[in-house]
Amino acid sequence: MADLKSLSRQHEDILEVAARIGNHGIPERVKANSFEILLLLSELAGKLSVHLATEDKYLYPKLKGHSDARIRETSSAFEAEMGDLSSVFKAFKAKYSTTGQIGEASAEFLQDFQLIRTALTTRIAKENQRLYPLLEE
């Protein structure tokens, strides 16, 4: 099974990059720093990609056959939910794949990013607070 400490560290890294993007919280800052934001989005995409690959390949397949029904049910629900988040993030990343797309639509970018950040934060909190503690019992 995947190392929970490593997955938790990945969670921290993902949230840290999301916070750095969120620090550009007004349209003027987004427009002025669109290149930095583009780099941060690429970093976030990379971290999410590694994290999701680890979960998809090692964690969730093992949990589907777990002897504890609570773990099977919780992990199945989370796995289905994460698929949606992954698709939403990929669409967001495609929408804002250049500095021009970020800078020219800075207010919309901030709104869209806040939705992504909230979804990531919620998802990570659920895994950290509900799934991982079950696995440590």
Protein backbone atom coordinates (compact mmCIF):
# COMPACT_ATOMS: atom_id res chain seq x y z
CA MET A 1 0.00 0.00 0.00
CA ALA A 2 1.09 3.58 -0.53
CA ASP A 3 2.97 5.31 2.27
CA LEU A 4 0.48 7.55 4.10
CA LYS A 5 3.26 9.89 5.27
CA SER A 6 4.29 10.45 1.66
CA LEU A 7 0.69 11.04 0.58
CA SER A 8 0.19 13.48 3.47
CA ARG A 9 3.36 15.33 2.48
CA GLN A 10 2.05 15.53 -1.09
CA HIS A 11 -1.16 17.03 0.30
CA GLU A 12 0.87 19.69 2.10
CA ASP A 13 2.84 20.46 -1.07
CA ILE A 14 -0.34 20.77 -3.15
CA LEU A 15 -1.94 23.12 -0.64
CA GLU A 16 1.24 25.20 -0.41
CA VAL A 17 1.39 25.76 -4.17
CA ALA A 18 -2.34 26.54 -4.24
CA ALA A 19 -1.78 29.11 -1.49
CA ARG A 20 1.03 30.74 -3.47
CA ILE A 21 -1.31 31.09 -6.44
CA GLY A 22 -4.04 32.40 -4.14
CA ASN A 23 -1.69 35.10 -2.84
CA HIS A 24 -2.31 36.91 -6.14
CA GLY A 25 -5.85 37.57 -4.94
CA ILE A 26 -6.79 40.62 -6.99
CA PRO A 27 -7.12 40.90 -10.78
CA GLU A 28 -4.38 43.53 -11.05
CA ARG A 29 -1.85 41.24 -9.35
CA VAL A 30 -2.90 38.31 -11.51
CA LYS A 31 -2.44 40.37 -14.66
CA ALA A 32 0.94 41.73 -13.51
CA ASN A 33 2.19 38.29 -12.45
CA SER A 34 0.63 36.02 -15.07
CA PHE A 35 3.97 34.38 -15.93
CA GLU A 36 4.67 33.47 -12.29
CA ILE A 37 1.11 32.16 -11.96
CA LEU A 38 1.51 30.07 -15.10
CA LEU A 39 4.65 28.51 -13.61
CA LEU A 40 2.83 27.85 -10.34
CA LEU A 41 -0.07 26.24 -12.21
CA SER A 42 2.40 23.95 -13.95
CA GLU A 43 3.95 23.07 -10.60
CA LEU A 44 0.51 22.38 -9.14
CA ALA A 45 -0.43 20.22 -12.13
CA GLY A 46 2.75 18.20 -11.72
CA LYS A 47 2.20 17.64 -8.01
CA LEU A 48 -1.42 16.66 -8.57
CA SER A 49 -0.42 14.30 -11.37
CA VAL A 50 2.10 12.46 -9.17
CA HIS A 51 -0.33 12.34 -6.26
CA LEU A 52 -3.24 11.04 -8.31
CA ALA A 53 -1.06 8.47 -10.05
CA THR A 54 0.08 7.17 -6.65
CA GLU A 55 -3.47 6.97 -5.39
CA ASP A 56 -4.80 5.39 -8.59
CA LYS A 57 -2.04 2.81 -8.92
CA TYR A 58 -1.29 1.88 -5.32
CA LEU A 59 -3.76 3.17 -2.75
CA TYR A 60 -7.30 2.86 -4.05
CA PRO A 61 -6.93 -0.52 -5.83
CA LYS A 62 -5.73 -2.08 -2.55
CA LEU A 63 -8.55 -0.48 -0.60
CA LYS A 64 -11.24 -1.90 -2.89
CA GLY A 65 -10.45 -5.36 -1.54
CA HIS A 66 -9.92 -4.35 2.09
CA SER A 67 -11.55 -6.54 4.74
CA ASP A 68 -13.07 -3.51 6.54
CA ALA A 69 -16.31 -2.40 4.86
CA ARG A 70 -15.87 1.16 6.17
CA ILE A 71 -12.55 1.45 4.33
CA ARG A 72 -13.98 -0.08 1.14
CA GLU A 73 -17.00 2.27 1.15
CA THR A 74 -15.05 5.41 2.08
CA SER A 75 -12.31 4.78 -0.46
CA SER A 76 -14.81 3.98 -3.24
CA ALA A 77 -16.68 7.22 -2.59
CA PHE A 78 -13.45 9.24 -2.52
CA GLU A 79 -12.09 7.59 -5.67
CA ALA A 80 -15.27 8.42 -7.61
CA GLU A 81 -15.19 12.00 -6.33
CA MET A 82 -11.50 12.50 -7.18
CA GLY A 83 -12.11 11.52 -10.78
CA ASP A 84 -14.39 14.51 -11.11
CA LEU A 85 -11.87 16.82 -9.47
CA SER A 86 -9.15 15.63 -11.81
CA SER A 87 -11.31 16.39 -14.85
CA VAL A 88 -12.27 19.79 -13.50
CA PHE A 89 -8.63 20.68 -12.85
CA LYS A 90 -7.57 19.54 -16.33
CA ALA A 91 -10.25 21.75 -17.90
CA PHE A 92 -9.14 24.68 -15.72
CA LYS A 93 -5.49 24.16 -16.69
CA ALA A 94 -6.41 24.00 -20.38
CA LYS A 95 -8.47 27.20 -20.08
CA TYR A 96 -5.53 29.05 -18.51
CA SER A 97 -2.57 27.54 -20.37
CA THR A 98 -0.92 30.82 -21.42
CA THR A 99 -0.01 34.08 -19.72
CA GLY A 100 -2.44 35.86 -22.03
CA GLN A 101 -5.34 33.66 -21.01
CA ILE A 102 -4.54 34.28 -17.35
CA GLY A 103 -3.85 38.00 -17.60
CA GLU A 104 -6.67 38.95 -19.96
CA ALA A 105 -9.28 37.17 -17.86
CA SER A 106 -7.75 37.83 -14.45
CA ALA A 107 -11.04 38.30 -12.56
CA GLU A 108 -12.52 35.16 -14.10
CA PHE A 109 -9.27 33.30 -13.42
CA LEU A 110 -9.52 34.20 -9.73
CA GLN A 111 -13.13 33.00 -9.54
CA ASP A 112 -12.31 29.74 -11.31
CA PHE A 113 -9.19 29.20 -9.23
CA GLN A 114 -11.11 29.73 -5.99
CA LEU A 115 -13.48 26.91 -7.00
CA ILE A 116 -10.51 24.63 -7.74
CA ARG A 117 -8.76 25.57 -4.51
CA THR A 118 -11.88 24.95 -2.45
CA ALA A 119 -12.40 21.56 -4.08
CA LEU A 120 -8.76 20.58 -3.47
CA THR A 121 -8.85 21.77 0.13
CA THR A 122 -12.09 19.92 0.80
CA ARG A 123 -10.85 16.74 -0.81
CA ILE A 124 -7.54 16.77 1.04
CA ALA A 125 -9.27 17.47 4.35
CA LYS A 126 -11.59 14.50 3.79
CA GLU A 127 -8.70 12.17 3.04
CA ASN A 128 -6.62 13.43 5.96
CA GLN A 129 -9.48 13.43 8.45
CA ARG A 130 -11.62 10.47 7.35
CA LEU A 131 -9.73 8.02 5.13
CA TYR A 132 -6.16 8.05 6.43
CA PRO A 133 -7.20 7.66 10.10
CA LEU A 134 -9.22 4.57 9.12
CA LEU A 135 -6.12 3.10 7.54
CA GLU A 136 -4.05 3.77 10.64
CA GLU A 137 -6.47 1.94 12.99
